[in-house]
Amino acid sequence: ASTMKTLLSLYPVSDFVATAQAVTISPYFLQAAQIYRDINFACPAIDVAHRVAQYGSKSYLYDLNATSFDTLLQLAHASFEGVILGTDVPFVFNQANIGLGITPAQQLIQTRMSGSWARFVAKGDPSGNANDTLSGWTQAYNSTQAAGKDAGVQNASVRVIGGPNGGEHELSMNGQGDIEPQLLKRCAFIN
């Protein structure tokens, strides 16, 4: 009971009211969806990236803010908020056009994501030529951040791919990061 109380205190429903009103959905649904996403995807990724960095290897984090499924979901009259699971796969494998066409922005994301994933496999670094990769992608943790104990991670870098906030961003334990200001604090509890 105290674990659930603490978890819910980290995700106050008031944080979800404005978005819920904009998309006419329950703020409790958005709250639950955010908790589910963080427990199953975001926090484990942050933890694994930190552990990889602790052992001296490079690690990179990303947040995909684009999809090629939006037209398909609209045709199916499916409501959604954000980017759904699996959206990155067509971009990475140069298959974002699922038969409904893609926008020039989606084409650019596809080219750069597939290029970055291939470069990461070949060279251990996802950044290369700006035409073919997501150039300037910084490691999730610098050496000082990597040395911190798990609950002591204060900052991390994440690459937002697509959308109006695309590019490099910071996550911060003190809530001063420019995206998802509470994520590291939430993940410190979850992990």
Protein backbone atom coordinates (compact mmCIF):
# COMPACT_ATOMS: atom_id res chain seq x y z
CA ALA A 1 0.00 0.00 0.00
CA SER A 2 2.82 2.46 0.78
CA THR A 3 4.54 1.57 -2.52
CA MET A 4 1.36 2.37 -4.45
CA LYS A 5 0.85 5.59 -2.49
CA THR A 6 4.40 6.72 -3.25
CA LEU A 7 4.04 5.76 -6.92
CA LEU A 8 0.80 7.71 -7.29
CA SER A 9 2.34 10.72 -5.51
CA LEU A 10 5.03 10.78 -8.21
CA TYR A 11 2.29 10.92 -10.89
CA PRO A 12 -0.35 13.34 -9.56
CA VAL A 13 -3.47 13.23 -11.71
CA SER A 14 -3.35 17.03 -11.90
CA ASP A 15 -0.32 16.62 -14.21
CA PHE A 16 -2.58 14.99 -16.80
CA VAL A 17 -5.74 17.13 -16.72
CA ALA A 18 -4.82 19.65 -19.44
CA THR A 19 -3.75 16.98 -21.94
CA ALA A 20 -6.79 14.86 -21.08
CA GLN A 21 -9.11 17.78 -21.80
CA ALA A 22 -7.36 18.51 -25.10
CA VAL A 23 -7.83 14.94 -26.36
CA THR A 24 -11.10 14.26 -24.48
CA ILE A 25 -9.90 11.28 -22.49
CA SER A 26 -9.78 10.57 -18.77
CA PRO A 27 -6.78 12.04 -16.93
CA TYR A 28 -6.69 8.78 -14.95
CA PHE A 29 -6.17 6.86 -18.18
CA LEU A 30 -3.25 9.13 -19.11
CA GLN A 31 -1.83 8.80 -15.60
CA ALA A 32 -2.02 5.00 -15.79
CA ALA A 33 -0.55 4.98 -19.30
CA GLN A 34 2.40 7.10 -18.16
CA ILE A 35 3.03 4.84 -15.17
CA TYR A 36 2.82 1.77 -17.41
CA ARG A 37 5.22 3.30 -19.95
CA ASP A 38 7.74 4.26 -17.30
CA ILE A 39 7.65 0.93 -15.45
CA ASN A 40 7.93 -1.18 -18.58
CA PHE A 41 9.99 0.90 -20.99
CA ALA A 42 11.45 4.27 -19.96
CA CYS A 43 12.86 3.41 -16.53
CA PRO A 44 14.38 0.06 -17.52
CA ALA A 45 16.02 1.74 -20.53
CA ILE A 46 17.47 4.48 -18.33
CA ASP A 47 18.72 1.87 -15.87
CA VAL A 48 20.33 -0.34 -18.52
CA ALA A 49 21.96 2.67 -20.22
CA HIS A 50 23.38 3.75 -16.86
CA ARG A 51 24.73 0.28 -16.07
CA VAL A 52 26.33 0.04 -19.52
CA ALA A 53 27.99 3.43 -18.93
CA GLN A 54 29.14 2.36 -15.44
CA TYR A 55 31.13 -0.43 -17.05
CA GLY A 56 32.82 1.94 -19.47
CA SER A 57 30.80 1.43 -22.63
CA LYS A 58 28.90 4.05 -24.57
CA SER A 59 25.13 4.21 -24.14
CA TYR A 60 22.54 6.35 -25.84
CA LEU A 61 18.90 7.13 -25.03
CA TYR A 62 16.16 8.27 -27.39
CA ASP A 63 12.53 9.29 -27.26
CA LEU A 64 10.67 8.88 -30.54
CA ASN A 65 8.18 11.68 -31.14
CA ALA A 66 7.01 10.58 -34.60
CA THR A 67 4.98 7.78 -36.11
CA SER A 68 4.00 6.54 -39.54
CA PHE A 69 0.94 4.84 -38.04
CA ASP A 70 -1.10 8.04 -37.51
CA THR A 71 -3.05 7.76 -40.80
CA LEU A 72 -3.75 4.08 -40.17
CA LEU A 73 -4.98 4.79 -36.64
CA GLN A 74 -7.21 7.62 -37.91
CA LEU A 75 -8.71 5.34 -40.56
CA ALA A 76 -9.46 2.80 -37.82
CA HIS A 77 -11.00 5.56 -35.65
CA ALA A 78 -8.56 4.58 -32.92
CA SER A 79 -7.84 7.22 -30.35
CA PHE A 80 -4.31 7.58 -29.08
CA GLU A 81 -2.09 10.09 -27.37
CA GLY A 82 1.59 10.20 -28.16
CA VAL A 83 3.53 7.56 -30.05
CA ILE A 84 2.49 3.93 -29.77
CA LEU A 85 4.74 0.96 -29.10
CA GLY A 86 6.51 -0.42 -32.16
CA THR A 87 6.46 2.84 -34.08
CA ASP A 88 10.26 2.91 -34.25
CA VAL A 89 10.58 -0.44 -36.04
CA PRO A 90 9.39 0.72 -39.51
CA PHE A 91 11.67 3.78 -39.30
CA VAL A 92 14.72 1.73 -38.31
CA PHE A 93 14.20 -0.80 -41.11
CA ASN A 94 13.44 1.80 -43.80
CA GLN A 95 9.81 0.64 -44.00
CA ALA A 96 7.90 3.64 -42.60
CA ASN A 97 5.65 3.76 -45.67
CA ILE A 98 3.04 1.19 -44.67
CA GLY A 99 1.11 1.69 -47.92
CA LEU A 100 -0.46 5.02 -47.02
CA GLY A 101 2.47 7.24 -47.94
CA ILE A 102 4.75 9.19 -45.63
CA THR A 103 5.48 12.87 -45.24
CA PRO A 104 8.86 14.42 -46.09
CA ALA A 105 9.51 14.75 -42.31
CA GLN A 106 8.79 11.05 -41.82
CA GLN A 107 11.06 10.19 -44.76
CA LEU A 108 13.88 12.22 -43.18
CA ILE A 109 13.38 10.48 -39.81
CA GLN A 110 13.41 7.10 -41.55
CA THR A 111 16.66 7.88 -43.39
CA ARG A 112 18.41 9.20 -40.31
CA MET A 113 17.14 6.55 -37.86
CA SER A 114 18.07 3.64 -40.11
CA GLY A 115 21.45 5.29 -40.76
CA SER A 116 22.08 5.87 -37.05
CA TRP A 117 21.16 2.30 -36.08
CA ALA A 118 23.42 0.89 -38.81
CA ARG A 119 26.28 3.20 -37.81
CA PHE A 120 25.85 2.28 -34.14
CA VAL A 121 26.13 -1.42 -35.01
CA ALA A 122 29.19 -0.83 -37.18
CA LYS A 123 31.03 1.84 -35.18
CA GLY A 124 29.48 1.99 -31.69
CA ASP A 125 28.37 5.59 -32.30
CA PRO A 126 25.02 6.53 -33.90
CA SER A 127 26.21 9.92 -35.19
CA GLY A 128 27.81 10.46 -38.53
CA ASN A 129 26.97 12.43 -41.64
CA ALA A 130 24.00 14.75 -40.90
CA ASN A 131 22.27 13.66 -44.13
CA ASP A 132 22.31 9.99 -43.18
CA THR A 133 22.25 9.86 -39.36
CA LEU A 134 21.00 11.72 -36.32
CA SER A 135 24.21 13.72 -36.01
CA GLY A 136 25.35 15.20 -32.71
CA TRP A 137 23.78 12.44 -30.61
CA THR A 138 25.50 12.60 -27.24
CA GLN A 139 26.04 9.71 -24.88
CA ALA A 140 23.38 9.24 -22.21
CA TYR A 141 25.88 9.73 -19.39
CA ASN A 142 29.24 11.44 -19.18
CA SER A 143 31.96 9.79 -17.05
CA THR A 144 30.92 11.63 -13.87
CA GLN A 145 27.25 10.71 -14.34
CA ALA A 146 28.17 7.12 -15.16
CA ALA A 147 30.16 6.80 -11.94
CA GLY A 148 27.13 7.72 -9.80
CA LYS A 149 25.28 5.01 -7.95
CA ASP A 150 21.90 3.97 -9.36
CA ALA A 151 19.76 6.23 -7.17
CA GLY A 152 22.34 8.98 -7.47
CA VAL A 153 21.97 9.61 -11.21
CA GLN A 154 21.32 13.32 -11.42
CA ASN A 155 21.35 13.93 -15.18
CA ALA A 156 21.12 12.09 -18.46
CA SER A 157 21.06 13.09 -22.12
CA VAL A 158 18.32 11.87 -24.41
CA ARG A 159 17.79 12.37 -28.12
CA VAL A 160 14.24 13.33 -29.08
CA ILE A 161 13.58 12.14 -32.61
CA GLY A 162 10.92 14.03 -34.53
CA GLY A 163 8.27 16.52 -33.50
CA PRO A 164 8.69 20.14 -32.51
CA ASN A 165 11.25 19.36 -29.78
CA GLY A 166 13.56 17.15 -31.82
CA GLY A 167 17.24 17.13 -30.88
CA GLU A 168 19.39 16.67 -27.78
CA HIS A 169 17.75 17.21 -24.39
CA GLU A 170 18.61 16.79 -20.73
CA LEU A 171 16.85 14.83 -18.03
CA SER A 172 17.50 16.07 -14.52
CA MET A 173 16.78 14.60 -11.09
CA ASN A 174 15.97 18.05 -9.72
CA GLY A 175 13.24 18.59 -12.32
CA GLN A 176 15.23 21.23 -14.21
CA GLY A 177 15.65 19.15 -17.37
CA ASP A 178 14.05 20.56 -20.48
CA ILE A 179 11.89 17.49 -21.16
CA GLU A 180 10.05 15.13 -18.83
CA PRO A 181 11.19 17.01 -15.71
CA GLN A 182 10.10 14.28 -13.27
CA LEU A 183 11.30 11.20 -15.18
CA LEU A 184 14.62 10.60 -13.38
CA LYS A 185 12.97 11.10 -10.00
CA ARG A 186 10.19 8.68 -10.95
CA CYS A 187 12.69 6.15 -12.31
CA ALA A 188 14.86 6.36 -9.19
CA PHE A 189 11.85 5.05 -7.26
CA ILE A 190 10.74 2.53 -9.91
CA ASN A 191 14.19 1.09 -10.59
